[in-house]
Amino acid sequence: MKRIEAIIREERLDSARKALEEIGINGMTVQGVFGRGQQKAVNPEHRGNGSPANFLPKVRLEVVCHDDDYKMVIEAIANAARTGHIGDGKIFVSSVEEAIRIRTGEAGDDVL
């Protein structure tokens, strides 16, 4: 299994969610976060919006999928989140050693 973590623009979340649903991925976790990258959060349109100094609001989107599906998931998120401007975000992929469904105790790929 693979865990895909994407840090994207807040306004691109709905597009990313729809793109994932179109390829059959319905399970995801979303969290509002603040961060900065190459642009160092120097963007006058974001000042005064209540975010911590020198950080921009972003969304962290996490998906765990089968090994065979992760490239398709990455492509869907990247295409939906891309604006072509600095600050579009990053995608990180890591391996998941084990997954357990708490309700039933099932483990492994069947949990997905």
C-alpha atoms as a PDB file:
ATOM      1  CA  MET A   1       0.000   0.000   0.000  1.00  0.00           C
ATOM      2  CA  LYS A   2       1.063   3.600  -0.597  1.00  0.00           C
ATOM      3  CA  ARG A   3       0.261   6.750   1.355  1.00  0.00           C
ATOM      4  CA  ILE A   4      -0.011   9.867  -0.790  1.00  0.00           C
ATOM      5  CA  GLU A   5       0.196  13.202   0.998  1.00  0.00           C
ATOM      6  CA  ALA A   6      -0.523  16.262  -1.118  1.00  0.00           C
ATOM      7  CA  ILE A   7      -0.136  19.834   0.101  1.00  0.00           C
ATOM      8  CA  ILE A   8      -2.241  21.951  -2.259  1.00  0.00           C
ATOM      9  CA  ARG A   9      -3.988  25.312  -2.556  1.00  0.00           C
ATOM     10  CA  GLU A  10      -7.251  25.530  -0.613  1.00  0.00           C
ATOM     11  CA  GLU A  11      -9.208  26.554  -3.692  1.00  0.00           C
ATOM     12  CA  ARG A  12      -8.071  23.428  -5.607  1.00  0.00           C
ATOM     13  CA  LEU A  13      -9.399  20.940  -3.028  1.00  0.00           C
ATOM     14  CA  ASP A  14     -12.804  20.441  -4.640  1.00  0.00           C
ATOM     15  CA  SER A  15     -11.201  19.796  -8.045  1.00  0.00           C
ATOM     16  CA  ALA A  16      -8.808  17.268  -6.493  1.00  0.00           C
ATOM     17  CA  ARG A  17     -11.646  15.516  -4.638  1.00  0.00           C
ATOM     18  CA  LYS A  18     -13.698  15.232  -7.831  1.00  0.00           C
ATOM     19  CA  ALA A  19     -10.688  13.946  -9.794  1.00  0.00           C
ATOM     20  CA  LEU A  20     -10.087  11.247  -7.171  1.00  0.00           C
ATOM     21  CA  GLU A  21     -13.744  10.226  -7.153  1.00  0.00           C
ATOM     22  CA  GLU A  22     -13.656   9.926 -10.961  1.00  0.00           C
ATOM     23  CA  ILE A  23     -10.926   7.272 -10.678  1.00  0.00           C
ATOM     24  CA  GLY A  24     -12.760   5.413  -7.918  1.00  0.00           C
ATOM     25  CA  ILE A  25     -10.904   6.797  -4.888  1.00  0.00           C
ATOM     26  CA  ASN A  26     -13.447   7.895  -2.291  1.00  0.00           C
ATOM     27  CA  GLY A  27     -11.492   7.552   0.964  1.00  0.00           C
ATOM     28  CA  MET A  28      -9.349  10.539   1.879  1.00  0.00           C
ATOM     29  CA  THR A  29      -8.422  12.734   4.817  1.00  0.00           C
ATOM     30  CA  VAL A  30      -8.279  16.526   4.548  1.00  0.00           C
ATOM     31  CA  GLN A  31      -6.727  18.962   6.973  1.00  0.00           C
ATOM     32  CA  GLY A  32      -6.206  22.714   6.844  1.00  0.00           C
ATOM     33  CA  VAL A  33      -2.558  23.634   7.340  1.00  0.00           C
ATOM     34  CA  PHE A  34      -0.223  26.625   7.023  1.00  0.00           C
ATOM     35  CA  GLY A  35       3.088  26.478   5.210  1.00  0.00           C
ATOM     36  CA  ARG A  36       5.600  28.080   2.944  1.00  0.00           C
ATOM     37  CA  GLY A  37       7.868  27.005   0.162  1.00  0.00           C
ATOM     38  CA  GLN A  38       9.895  28.786  -2.490  1.00  0.00           C
ATOM     39  CA  GLN A  39       7.641  31.827  -2.458  1.00  0.00           C
ATOM     40  CA  LYS A  40       8.343  32.259   1.282  1.00  0.00           C
ATOM     41  CA  ALA A  41       4.718  33.313   1.745  1.00  0.00           C
ATOM     42  CA  VAL A  42       5.436  36.770   0.365  1.00  0.00           C
ATOM     43  CA  ASN A  43       2.098  37.378  -1.264  1.00  0.00           C
ATOM     44  CA  PRO A  44       0.278  40.650  -0.519  1.00  0.00           C
ATOM     45  CA  GLU A  45      -3.167  39.186  -1.265  1.00  0.00           C
ATOM     46  CA  HIS A  46      -2.830  36.820   1.725  1.00  0.00           C
ATOM     47  CA  ARG A  47      -1.784  39.388   4.323  1.00  0.00           C
ATOM     48  CA  GLY A  48      -4.187  40.177   7.083  1.00  0.00           C
ATOM     49  CA  ASN A  49      -6.179  36.979   6.689  1.00  0.00           C
ATOM     50  CA  GLY A  50      -5.351  35.624  10.138  1.00  0.00           C
ATOM     51  CA  SER A  51      -2.650  33.184   9.037  1.00  0.00           C
ATOM     52  CA  PRO A  52       0.616  32.975  10.972  1.00  0.00           C
ATOM     53  CA  ALA A  53       3.256  35.462   9.812  1.00  0.00           C
ATOM     54  CA  ASN A  54       5.012  34.389   6.618  1.00  0.00           C
ATOM     55  CA  PHE A  55       2.859  31.279   6.113  1.00  0.00           C
ATOM     56  CA  LEU A  56       0.086  30.647   3.612  1.00  0.00           C
ATOM     57  CA  PRO A  57      -3.064  28.596   4.164  1.00  0.00           C
ATOM     58  CA  LYS A  58      -2.904  25.237   2.389  1.00  0.00           C
ATOM     59  CA  VAL A  59      -4.744  21.926   2.502  1.00  0.00           C
ATOM     60  CA  ARG A  60      -3.169  18.563   3.263  1.00  0.00           C
ATOM     61  CA  LEU A  61      -4.934  15.778   1.363  1.00  0.00           C
ATOM     62  CA  GLU A  62      -4.024  12.203   2.320  1.00  0.00           C
ATOM     63  CA  VAL A  63      -4.956   9.032   0.474  1.00  0.00           C
ATOM     64  CA  VAL A  64      -3.911   5.435   1.117  1.00  0.00           C
ATOM     65  CA  CYS A  65      -4.248   3.182  -1.923  1.00  0.00           C
ATOM     66  CA  HIS A  66      -3.102  -0.115  -3.398  1.00  0.00           C
ATOM     67  CA  ASP A  67       0.422  -0.189  -4.827  1.00  0.00           C
ATOM     68  CA  ASP A  68      -0.982  -0.593  -8.353  1.00  0.00           C
ATOM     69  CA  ASP A  69      -3.066   2.600  -8.081  1.00  0.00           C
ATOM     70  CA  TYR A  70      -0.686   5.178  -6.655  1.00  0.00           C
ATOM     71  CA  LYS A  71       0.583   6.614  -9.955  1.00  0.00           C
ATOM     72  CA  MET A  72      -3.007   7.148 -11.095  1.00  0.00           C
ATOM     73  CA  VAL A  73      -3.791   8.896  -7.776  1.00  0.00           C
ATOM     74  CA  ILE A  74      -0.746  11.162  -8.096  1.00  0.00           C
ATOM     75  CA  GLU A  75      -1.673  12.098 -11.648  1.00  0.00           C
ATOM     76  CA  ALA A  76      -5.277  12.892 -10.693  1.00  0.00           C
ATOM     77  CA  ILE A  77      -4.236  15.128  -7.791  1.00  0.00           C
ATOM     78  CA  ALA A  78      -1.463  16.871  -9.724  1.00  0.00           C
ATOM     79  CA  ASN A  79      -3.660  17.624 -12.737  1.00  0.00           C
ATOM     80  CA  ALA A  80      -6.498  18.920 -10.560  1.00  0.00           C
ATOM     81  CA  ALA A  81      -4.269  21.036  -8.303  1.00  0.00           C
ATOM     82  CA  ARG A  82      -1.997  22.545 -10.964  1.00  0.00           C
ATOM     83  CA  THR A  83      -2.390  26.251 -11.751  1.00  0.00           C
ATOM     84  CA  GLY A  84       1.100  26.731 -13.168  1.00  0.00           C
ATOM     85  CA  HIS A  85       2.097  29.245 -10.496  1.00  0.00           C
ATOM     86  CA  ILE A  86       4.488  29.030  -7.571  1.00  0.00           C
ATOM     87  CA  GLY A  87       2.657  27.663  -4.553  1.00  0.00           C
ATOM     88  CA  ASP A  88       0.737  24.883  -6.304  1.00  0.00           C
ATOM     89  CA  GLY A  89       2.096  22.474  -3.708  1.00  0.00           C
ATOM     90  CA  LYS A  90       3.874  19.152  -3.383  1.00  0.00           C
ATOM     91  CA  ILE A  91       3.001  15.453  -3.373  1.00  0.00           C
ATOM     92  CA  PHE A  92       4.830  12.948  -1.182  1.00  0.00           C
ATOM     93  CA  VAL A  93       4.567   9.163  -1.488  1.00  0.00           C
ATOM     94  CA  SER A  94       5.494   6.676   1.216  1.00  0.00           C
ATOM     95  CA  SER A  95       4.946   2.977   1.823  1.00  0.00           C
ATOM     96  CA  VAL A  96       2.381   1.762   4.328  1.00  0.00           C
ATOM     97  CA  GLU A  97       3.468  -1.356   6.191  1.00  0.00           C
ATOM     98  CA  GLU A  98       0.114  -2.213   7.721  1.00  0.00           C
ATOM     99  CA  ALA A  99      -3.471  -0.976   7.885  1.00  0.00           C
ATOM    100  CA  ILE A 100      -6.139  -2.132  10.323  1.00  0.00           C
ATOM    101  CA  ARG A 101      -9.860  -1.471  10.257  1.00  0.00           C
ATOM    102  CA  ILE A 102     -10.683  -0.737  13.889  1.00  0.00           C
ATOM    103  CA  ARG A 103     -14.349  -1.776  13.679  1.00  0.00           C
ATOM    104  CA  THR A 104     -13.708  -5.334  12.433  1.00  0.00           C
ATOM    105  CA  GLY A 105     -10.041  -5.960  13.106  1.00  0.00           C
ATOM    106  CA  GLU A 106      -9.401  -6.667   9.397  1.00  0.00           C
ATOM    107  CA  ALA A 107      -5.824  -6.005   8.323  1.00  0.00           C
ATOM    108  CA  GLY A 108      -3.871  -5.488   5.117  1.00  0.00           C
ATOM    109  CA  ASP A 109      -5.109  -4.535   1.651  1.00  0.00           C
ATOM    110  CA  ASP A 110      -8.699  -5.551   2.466  1.00  0.00           C
ATOM    111  CA  VAL A 111      -8.950  -2.490   4.711  1.00  0.00           C
ATOM    112  CA  LEU A 112      -8.900  -0.236   1.663  1.00  0.00           C
END
